[in-house]
Amino acid sequence: MRAAERAYVTVREGILCGTYAAGSRLTETEVAQAAGVSRTPVREALRRLHAEGLVEFEPNHGAVVAAFELEDAEEIFELRSLLEPICARRAAERATPELVAELRALAEQQVAECARRGPGHLSRIGELNDRFHRAVQRAAASPRLAKTLAGLIEAPLILRTFAQYSSGELQRSADQHLELVQAIAARDGVWAHSVMRAHILAGRATYLRGRRGL
């Protein structure tokens, strides 16, 4: 693994697992020591994490772990719970066999990652989740919906939510993806709408529980 990639994985996993809390400063020296690399690849890794929205650069402070205000998170989940079920319903009505196959493959990979729970599994689950939801958008065949949701599917927020999931909650999320694929394959828009809404609201509940320390 390249030095920059090793630094990137070290910080990303640290953020997701809570080693680096929201708002905490990330010094190049600290990251370099944790990843076992020099400071030069750390700069590249931090720029990459900044592009993903996990890290922010602040004047006189350098790199810090990005944070979401509770009110912002609640609004994002509320809007997603309204719009993504519409995407799911449209996907059930319009998805091509190829897109259904892609969705099924992504859902099955996520189930497998939940079962293995190996090193870096949260990052892989987060990536699979993002690809799955974006594939549902493509299947919905609505440029307007896709454009509206582009600013709402906040990968950093979702990744942090996964970090708060218990093993059972991770499995439930993956199983909901599988059920959604079944609904889309059955061309049942009402079923797909219901599954997606329950899926988003369950994620919201887990995120808010973690933020409130419940």
Protein backbone atom coordinates (compact mmCIF):
# COMPACT_ATOMS: atom_id res chain seq x y z
CA MET A 1 0.00 0.00 0.00
CA ARG A 2 1.31 3.44 -0.95
CA ALA A 3 2.27 5.76 1.91
CA ALA A 4 -0.44 8.29 1.02
CA GLU A 5 -3.04 5.52 0.86
CA ARG A 6 -1.92 4.17 4.25
CA ALA A 7 -2.24 7.64 5.79
CA TYR A 8 -5.65 8.09 4.18
CA VAL A 9 -6.97 4.77 5.49
CA THR A 10 -5.57 5.44 8.97
CA VAL A 11 -7.32 8.80 9.33
CA ARG A 12 -10.54 7.72 7.63
CA GLU A 13 -10.91 4.69 9.89
CA GLY A 14 -9.98 6.84 12.91
CA ILE A 15 -12.77 9.28 12.07
CA LEU A 16 -15.34 6.55 11.51
CA CYS A 17 -14.43 4.69 14.69
CA GLY A 18 -14.35 7.83 16.82
CA THR A 19 -10.61 7.92 17.46
CA TYR A 20 -10.63 11.37 15.88
CA ALA A 21 -13.69 13.20 17.19
CA ALA A 22 -15.60 15.84 15.24
CA GLY A 23 -13.84 19.18 15.53
CA SER A 24 -10.52 17.70 16.66
CA ARG A 25 -7.30 18.88 15.03
CA LEU A 26 -5.31 16.53 12.80
CA THR A 27 -1.62 17.40 12.85
CA GLU A 28 0.64 16.05 10.13
CA THR A 29 3.05 14.77 12.76
CA GLU A 30 0.36 12.87 14.65
CA VAL A 31 -1.04 11.27 11.51
CA ALA A 32 2.43 10.41 10.21
CA GLN A 33 3.27 8.61 13.45
CA ALA A 34 -0.06 6.75 13.52
CA ALA A 35 0.28 5.62 9.91
CA GLY A 36 4.02 4.97 10.00
CA VAL A 37 4.77 7.33 7.11
CA SER A 38 6.48 10.67 6.54
CA ARG A 39 4.59 13.98 6.60
CA THR A 40 4.56 14.44 2.80
CA PRO A 41 2.03 11.66 2.02
CA VAL A 42 -0.06 12.85 4.98
CA ARG A 43 -0.71 16.14 3.18
CA GLU A 44 -2.03 14.23 0.15
CA ALA A 45 -4.23 12.07 2.38
CA LEU A 46 -5.71 15.08 4.17
CA ARG A 47 -6.48 16.81 0.87
CA ARG A 48 -8.30 13.67 -0.29
CA LEU A 49 -10.30 13.51 2.95
CA HIS A 50 -11.13 17.19 2.56
CA ALA A 51 -12.52 16.51 -0.92
CA GLU A 52 -14.73 13.79 0.61
CA GLY A 53 -16.04 16.16 3.27
CA LEU A 54 -14.51 14.34 6.23
CA VAL A 55 -11.84 16.95 6.93
CA GLU A 56 -11.92 20.75 6.88
CA PHE A 57 -9.05 23.22 6.72
CA GLU A 58 -9.36 26.15 9.12
CA PRO A 59 -7.16 29.27 9.23
CA ASN A 60 -4.50 29.04 11.95
CA HIS A 61 -5.66 25.53 12.90
CA GLY A 62 -4.91 23.41 9.85
CA ALA A 63 -6.87 20.22 9.29
CA VAL A 64 -9.77 19.40 11.61
CA VAL A 65 -12.37 16.62 11.56
CA ALA A 66 -15.55 17.95 9.92
CA ALA A 67 -18.64 18.24 12.10
CA PHE A 68 -22.38 18.38 11.44
CA GLU A 69 -24.67 20.43 13.64
CA LEU A 70 -27.52 18.36 15.07
CA GLU A 71 -30.12 20.59 13.43
CA ASP A 72 -28.45 20.16 10.03
CA ALA A 73 -28.39 16.38 10.41
CA GLU A 74 -32.06 16.24 11.38
CA GLU A 75 -33.00 18.33 8.35
CA ILE A 76 -30.96 16.15 6.00
CA PHE A 77 -32.58 12.96 7.29
CA GLU A 78 -36.06 14.50 7.13
CA LEU A 79 -35.64 15.53 3.50
CA ARG A 80 -34.12 12.18 2.57
CA SER A 81 -37.06 10.37 4.19
CA LEU A 82 -39.38 12.29 1.88
CA LEU A 83 -37.42 12.16 -1.39
CA GLU A 84 -35.59 8.82 -1.43
CA PRO A 85 -38.79 6.77 -1.03
CA ILE A 86 -40.06 8.52 -4.18
CA CYS A 87 -36.86 7.42 -5.91
CA ALA A 88 -37.46 3.86 -4.73
CA ARG A 89 -41.05 3.86 -6.00
CA ARG A 90 -39.98 5.19 -9.40
CA ALA A 91 -37.13 2.65 -9.51
CA ALA A 92 -39.66 -0.15 -9.03
CA GLU A 93 -41.57 1.17 -12.02
CA ARG A 94 -38.60 1.92 -14.29
CA ALA A 95 -35.49 -0.09 -13.35
CA THR A 96 -33.89 -2.07 -16.15
CA PRO A 97 -32.89 -5.70 -15.55
CA GLU A 98 -29.26 -4.57 -15.58
CA LEU A 99 -29.85 -2.03 -12.80
CA VAL A 100 -31.79 -4.57 -10.75
CA ALA A 101 -28.84 -6.95 -11.07
CA GLU A 102 -26.43 -4.18 -10.03
CA LEU A 103 -28.54 -3.34 -6.99
CA ARG A 104 -28.75 -6.99 -5.98
CA ALA A 105 -24.97 -7.43 -6.27
CA LEU A 106 -24.30 -4.33 -4.14
CA ALA A 107 -26.80 -5.43 -1.49
CA GLU A 108 -25.32 -8.94 -1.32
CA GLN A 109 -21.79 -7.51 -0.99
CA GLN A 110 -22.96 -5.35 1.91
CA VAL A 111 -24.49 -8.38 3.65
CA ALA A 112 -21.17 -10.22 3.23
CA GLU A 113 -19.20 -7.30 4.70
CA CYS A 114 -21.53 -7.20 7.70
CA ALA A 115 -20.92 -10.91 8.28
CA ARG A 116 -17.12 -10.66 7.95
CA ARG A 117 -16.63 -7.45 9.97
CA GLY A 118 -12.94 -7.46 9.05
CA PRO A 119 -10.51 -4.52 9.30
CA GLY A 120 -11.87 -1.52 7.41
CA HIS A 121 -15.36 -3.01 7.07
CA LEU A 122 -17.08 0.27 7.95
CA SER A 123 -15.38 2.06 5.07
CA ARG A 124 -16.35 -0.69 2.65
CA ILE A 125 -19.93 -0.79 3.93
CA GLY A 126 -20.13 2.99 3.59
CA GLU A 127 -18.89 2.83 0.00
CA LEU A 128 -21.32 0.03 -0.90
CA ASN A 129 -24.18 1.95 0.75
CA ASP A 130 -23.37 5.09 -1.24
CA ARG A 131 -23.19 3.14 -4.51
CA PHE A 132 -26.48 1.39 -3.74
CA HIS A 133 -28.41 4.58 -3.04
CA ARG A 134 -27.00 6.28 -6.11
CA ALA A 135 -27.95 3.26 -8.23
CA VAL A 136 -31.52 3.55 -6.94
CA GLN A 137 -31.45 7.17 -8.10
CA ARG A 138 -30.29 6.13 -11.55
CA ALA A 139 -33.02 3.50 -11.70
CA ALA A 140 -35.61 6.16 -10.82
CA ALA A 141 -34.72 7.93 -14.09
CA SER A 142 -35.51 11.41 -12.75
CA PRO A 143 -32.79 14.03 -13.36
CA ARG A 144 -34.69 16.50 -11.17
CA LEU A 145 -34.81 14.14 -8.21
CA ALA A 146 -31.16 13.19 -8.67
CA LYS A 147 -30.14 16.84 -8.76
CA THR A 148 -32.13 17.62 -5.61
CA LEU A 149 -30.75 14.63 -3.71
CA ALA A 150 -27.15 15.33 -4.74
CA GLY A 151 -26.83 17.87 -1.94
CA LEU A 152 -28.62 15.70 0.62
CA ILE A 153 -26.84 12.37 0.44
CA GLU A 154 -24.03 13.47 2.70
CA ALA A 155 -21.47 10.66 2.66
CA PRO A 156 -19.58 11.89 5.77
CA LEU A 157 -22.80 12.05 7.78
CA ILE A 158 -23.85 8.56 6.66
CA LEU A 159 -20.40 7.12 7.36
CA ARG A 160 -20.49 8.49 10.90
CA THR A 161 -23.92 6.96 11.36
CA PHE A 162 -22.51 3.55 10.41
CA ALA A 163 -19.82 3.98 13.07
CA GLN A 164 -22.61 4.13 15.69
CA TYR A 165 -24.42 1.01 14.45
CA SER A 166 -24.38 -2.17 16.50
CA SER A 167 -23.68 -5.39 14.60
CA GLY A 168 -27.43 -6.05 14.58
CA GLU A 169 -28.18 -2.61 13.17
CA LEU A 170 -25.58 -3.05 10.43
CA GLN A 171 -27.22 -6.34 9.50
CA ARG A 172 -30.68 -4.76 9.55
CA SER A 173 -29.53 -2.00 7.20
CA ALA A 174 -28.06 -4.54 4.78
CA ASP A 175 -31.21 -6.69 4.95
CA GLN A 176 -33.34 -3.63 4.14
CA HIS A 177 -31.28 -3.14 0.98
CA LEU A 178 -31.99 -6.74 0.01
CA GLU A 179 -35.71 -6.27 0.66
CA LEU A 180 -35.69 -3.09 -1.41
CA VAL A 181 -34.16 -5.02 -4.31
CA GLN A 182 -36.94 -7.59 -3.98
CA ALA A 183 -39.55 -4.83 -4.12
CA ILE A 184 -37.95 -3.21 -7.15
CA ALA A 185 -37.60 -6.55 -8.94
CA ALA A 186 -41.28 -7.25 -8.20
CA ARG A 187 -42.22 -3.85 -9.70
CA ASP A 188 -44.05 -3.02 -6.46
CA GLY A 189 -43.70 0.73 -5.99
CA VAL A 190 -45.70 0.89 -2.76
CA TRP A 191 -43.51 -1.79 -1.17
CA ALA A 192 -40.30 -0.10 -2.35
CA HIS A 193 -41.46 3.28 -1.03
CA SER A 194 -42.25 1.76 2.39
CA VAL A 195 -38.92 -0.09 2.69
CA MET A 196 -36.87 2.95 1.75
CA ARG A 197 -38.69 5.22 4.18
CA ALA A 198 -38.22 2.73 7.04
CA HIS A 199 -34.54 2.41 6.07
CA ILE A 200 -33.90 6.18 6.20
CA LEU A 201 -35.84 6.67 9.44
CA ALA A 202 -33.93 3.82 11.12
CA GLY A 203 -30.64 5.48 10.16
CA ARG A 204 -31.92 8.78 11.52
CA ALA A 205 -32.86 7.20 14.85
CA THR A 206 -29.42 5.62 15.22
CA TYR A 207 -27.61 8.86 14.37
CA LEU A 208 -29.67 10.95 16.81
CA ARG A 209 -29.26 8.37 19.55
CA GLY A 210 -25.48 8.61 19.16
CA ARG A 211 -25.48 12.40 19.13
CA ARG A 212 -27.64 12.58 22.23
CA GLY A 213 -25.63 9.94 24.06
CA LEU A 214 -28.60 7.61 24.54
